[in-house]
Amino acid sequence: MVKIEYYAILGIVVACLISVVGVYISIKRNFKAEQKPLNDLNLNIMKLTMAIENMQEKDRIRDQRITKHGEEIDALKETSLKHDGRIKSLEEWKSKQ
């Protein structure tokens, strides 16, 4: 029977521990490398969502302004028609004199 010395056993244990730590670090790095594209994708999705929400808010404000301006244009059109009627009646009155 071969007698293994204490230092030989210790060397084997240390070598095994080093290899286990190396495997752990390798797996951890690969996991982080695999997670980076997903994290980047999630970040870009969040940015796009915020940009779309911001665009929707600006569109809502613009639509309100356009509606208000449309109402103002309609009011001016009515006033213009009234003035045209007055001008025509004045011209007719002047041509009768």
C-alpha atoms as a PDB file:
ATOM      1  CA  MET A   1       0.000   0.000   0.000  1.00  0.00           C
ATOM      2  CA  VAL A   2       1.297   3.435  -0.969  1.00  0.00           C
ATOM      3  CA  LYS A   3       1.397   5.994   1.734  1.00  0.00           C
ATOM      4  CA  ILE A   4       0.421   9.511   0.506  1.00  0.00           C
ATOM      5  CA  GLU A   5       2.163  12.273   2.297  1.00  0.00           C
ATOM      6  CA  TYR A   6       0.403  15.137   4.011  1.00  0.00           C
ATOM      7  CA  TYR A   7       1.783  17.785   1.637  1.00  0.00           C
ATOM      8  CA  ALA A   8       0.736  15.821  -1.428  1.00  0.00           C
ATOM      9  CA  ILE A   9      -2.837  15.656  -0.157  1.00  0.00           C
ATOM     10  CA  LEU A  10      -2.747  19.348   0.707  1.00  0.00           C
ATOM     11  CA  GLY A  11      -1.483  20.135  -2.806  1.00  0.00           C
ATOM     12  CA  ILE A  12      -4.285  18.157  -4.404  1.00  0.00           C
ATOM     13  CA  VAL A  13      -6.903  19.898  -2.220  1.00  0.00           C
ATOM     14  CA  VAL A  14      -5.475  23.341  -3.043  1.00  0.00           C
ATOM     15  CA  ALA A  15      -5.409  22.507  -6.771  1.00  0.00           C
ATOM     16  CA  CYS A  16      -9.038  21.368  -6.589  1.00  0.00           C
ATOM     17  CA  LEU A  17     -10.070  24.526  -4.737  1.00  0.00           C
ATOM     18  CA  ILE A  18      -8.297  26.690  -7.314  1.00  0.00           C
ATOM     19  CA  SER A  19     -10.042  24.859 -10.168  1.00  0.00           C
ATOM     20  CA  VAL A  20     -13.455  25.163  -8.453  1.00  0.00           C
ATOM     21  CA  VAL A  21     -12.927  28.902  -7.929  1.00  0.00           C
ATOM     22  CA  GLY A  22     -11.821  29.222 -11.564  1.00  0.00           C
ATOM     23  CA  VAL A  23     -14.955  27.453 -12.792  1.00  0.00           C
ATOM     24  CA  TYR A  24     -17.130  29.653 -10.545  1.00  0.00           C
ATOM     25  CA  ILE A  25     -15.522  32.857 -11.850  1.00  0.00           C
ATOM     26  CA  SER A  26     -15.840  31.644 -15.443  1.00  0.00           C
ATOM     27  CA  ILE A  27     -19.549  30.859 -15.014  1.00  0.00           C
ATOM     28  CA  LYS A  28     -20.158  34.186 -13.281  1.00  0.00           C
ATOM     29  CA  ARG A  29     -18.472  36.124 -16.107  1.00  0.00           C
ATOM     30  CA  ASN A  30     -20.456  34.261 -18.753  1.00  0.00           C
ATOM     31  CA  PHE A  31     -23.687  34.924 -16.884  1.00  0.00           C
ATOM     32  CA  LYS A  32     -22.908  38.635 -16.689  1.00  0.00           C
ATOM     33  CA  ALA A  33     -21.953  38.691 -20.370  1.00  0.00           C
ATOM     34  CA  GLU A  34     -25.257  37.017 -21.255  1.00  0.00           C
ATOM     35  CA  GLN A  35     -27.236  39.461 -19.097  1.00  0.00           C
ATOM     36  CA  LYS A  36     -25.688  42.605 -20.612  1.00  0.00           C
ATOM     37  CA  PRO A  37     -27.619  42.487 -23.927  1.00  0.00           C
ATOM     38  CA  LEU A  38     -30.876  41.893 -22.050  1.00  0.00           C
ATOM     39  CA  ASN A  39     -30.179  44.798 -19.718  1.00  0.00           C
ATOM     40  CA  ASP A  40     -29.321  47.033 -22.674  1.00  0.00           C
ATOM     41  CA  LEU A  41     -32.520  45.968 -24.411  1.00  0.00           C
ATOM     42  CA  ASN A  42     -34.605  46.707 -21.312  1.00  0.00           C
ATOM     43  CA  LEU A  43     -32.958  50.115 -20.985  1.00  0.00           C
ATOM     44  CA  ASN A  44     -33.683  50.943 -24.637  1.00  0.00           C
ATOM     45  CA  ILE A  45     -37.290  49.791 -24.262  1.00  0.00           C
ATOM     46  CA  MET A  46     -37.695  52.075 -21.243  1.00  0.00           C
ATOM     47  CA  LYS A  47     -36.204  55.014 -23.160  1.00  0.00           C
ATOM     48  CA  LEU A  48     -38.507  54.409 -26.130  1.00  0.00           C
ATOM     49  CA  THR A  49     -41.529  54.113 -23.847  1.00  0.00           C
ATOM     50  CA  MET A  50     -40.698  57.423 -22.187  1.00  0.00           C
ATOM     51  CA  ALA A  51     -40.123  59.056 -25.577  1.00  0.00           C
ATOM     52  CA  ILE A  52     -43.497  57.821 -26.859  1.00  0.00           C
ATOM     53  CA  GLU A  53     -45.250  59.040 -23.708  1.00  0.00           C
ATOM     54  CA  ASN A  54     -43.584  62.433 -24.141  1.00  0.00           C
ATOM     55  CA  MET A  55     -44.642  62.558 -27.799  1.00  0.00           C
ATOM     56  CA  GLN A  56     -48.224  61.674 -26.867  1.00  0.00           C
ATOM     57  CA  GLU A  57     -48.319  64.490 -24.309  1.00  0.00           C
ATOM     58  CA  LYS A  58     -46.942  66.973 -26.851  1.00  0.00           C
ATOM     59  CA  ASP A  59     -49.480  65.750 -29.433  1.00  0.00           C
ATOM     60  CA  ARG A  60     -52.314  66.239 -26.951  1.00  0.00           C
ATOM     61  CA  ILE A  61     -51.172  69.806 -26.216  1.00  0.00           C
ATOM     62  CA  ARG A  62     -50.772  70.535 -29.940  1.00  0.00           C
ATOM     63  CA  ASP A  63     -54.235  69.155 -30.682  1.00  0.00           C
ATOM     64  CA  GLN A  64     -55.721  71.415 -28.005  1.00  0.00           C
ATOM     65  CA  ARG A  65     -53.960  74.420 -29.503  1.00  0.00           C
ATOM     66  CA  ILE A  66     -55.099  73.526 -33.016  1.00  0.00           C
ATOM     67  CA  THR A  67     -58.686  73.143 -31.824  1.00  0.00           C
ATOM     68  CA  LYS A  68     -58.524  76.513 -30.080  1.00  0.00           C
ATOM     69  CA  HIS A  69     -57.030  78.185 -33.147  1.00  0.00           C
ATOM     70  CA  GLY A  70     -59.694  76.580 -35.338  1.00  0.00           C
ATOM     71  CA  GLU A  71     -62.402  78.065 -33.136  1.00  0.00           C
ATOM     72  CA  GLU A  72     -60.715  81.470 -33.339  1.00  0.00           C
ATOM     73  CA  ILE A  73     -60.520  81.193 -37.147  1.00  0.00           C
ATOM     74  CA  ASP A  74     -64.219  80.292 -37.319  1.00  0.00           C
ATOM     75  CA  ALA A  75     -65.075  83.312 -35.158  1.00  0.00           C
ATOM     76  CA  LEU A  76     -62.993  85.586 -37.397  1.00  0.00           C
ATOM     77  CA  LYS A  77     -64.676  84.119 -40.463  1.00  0.00           C
ATOM     78  CA  GLU A  78     -68.104  84.927 -39.046  1.00  0.00           C
ATOM     79  CA  THR A  79     -66.964  88.454 -38.209  1.00  0.00           C
ATOM     80  CA  SER A  80     -65.560  88.832 -41.709  1.00  0.00           C
ATOM     81  CA  LEU A  81     -68.863  87.733 -43.246  1.00  0.00           C
ATOM     82  CA  LYS A  82     -70.718  90.276 -41.106  1.00  0.00           C
ATOM     83  CA  HIS A  83     -68.327  93.028 -42.222  1.00  0.00           C
ATOM     84  CA  ASP A  84     -68.732  91.984 -45.866  1.00  0.00           C
ATOM     85  CA  GLY A  85     -72.501  92.263 -45.478  1.00  0.00           C
ATOM     86  CA  ARG A  86     -72.198  95.714 -43.923  1.00  0.00           C
ATOM     87  CA  ILE A  87     -69.833  96.888 -46.655  1.00  0.00           C
ATOM     88  CA  LYS A  88     -72.184  95.635 -49.371  1.00  0.00           C
ATOM     89  CA  SER A  89     -75.171  97.338 -47.773  1.00  0.00           C
ATOM     90  CA  LEU A  90     -73.188 100.609 -47.488  1.00  0.00           C
ATOM     91  CA  GLU A  91     -72.147 100.340 -51.138  1.00  0.00           C
ATOM     92  CA  GLU A  92     -75.746  99.743 -52.176  1.00  0.00           C
ATOM     93  CA  TRP A  93     -76.930 102.677 -50.067  1.00  0.00           C
ATOM     94  CA  LYS A  94     -74.228 104.910 -51.594  1.00  0.00           C
ATOM     95  CA  SER A  95     -75.080 103.832 -55.151  1.00  0.00           C
ATOM     96  CA  LYS A  96     -78.776 104.703 -54.520  1.00  0.00           C
ATOM     97  CA  GLN A  97     -77.953 108.283 -53.549  1.00  0.00           C
END
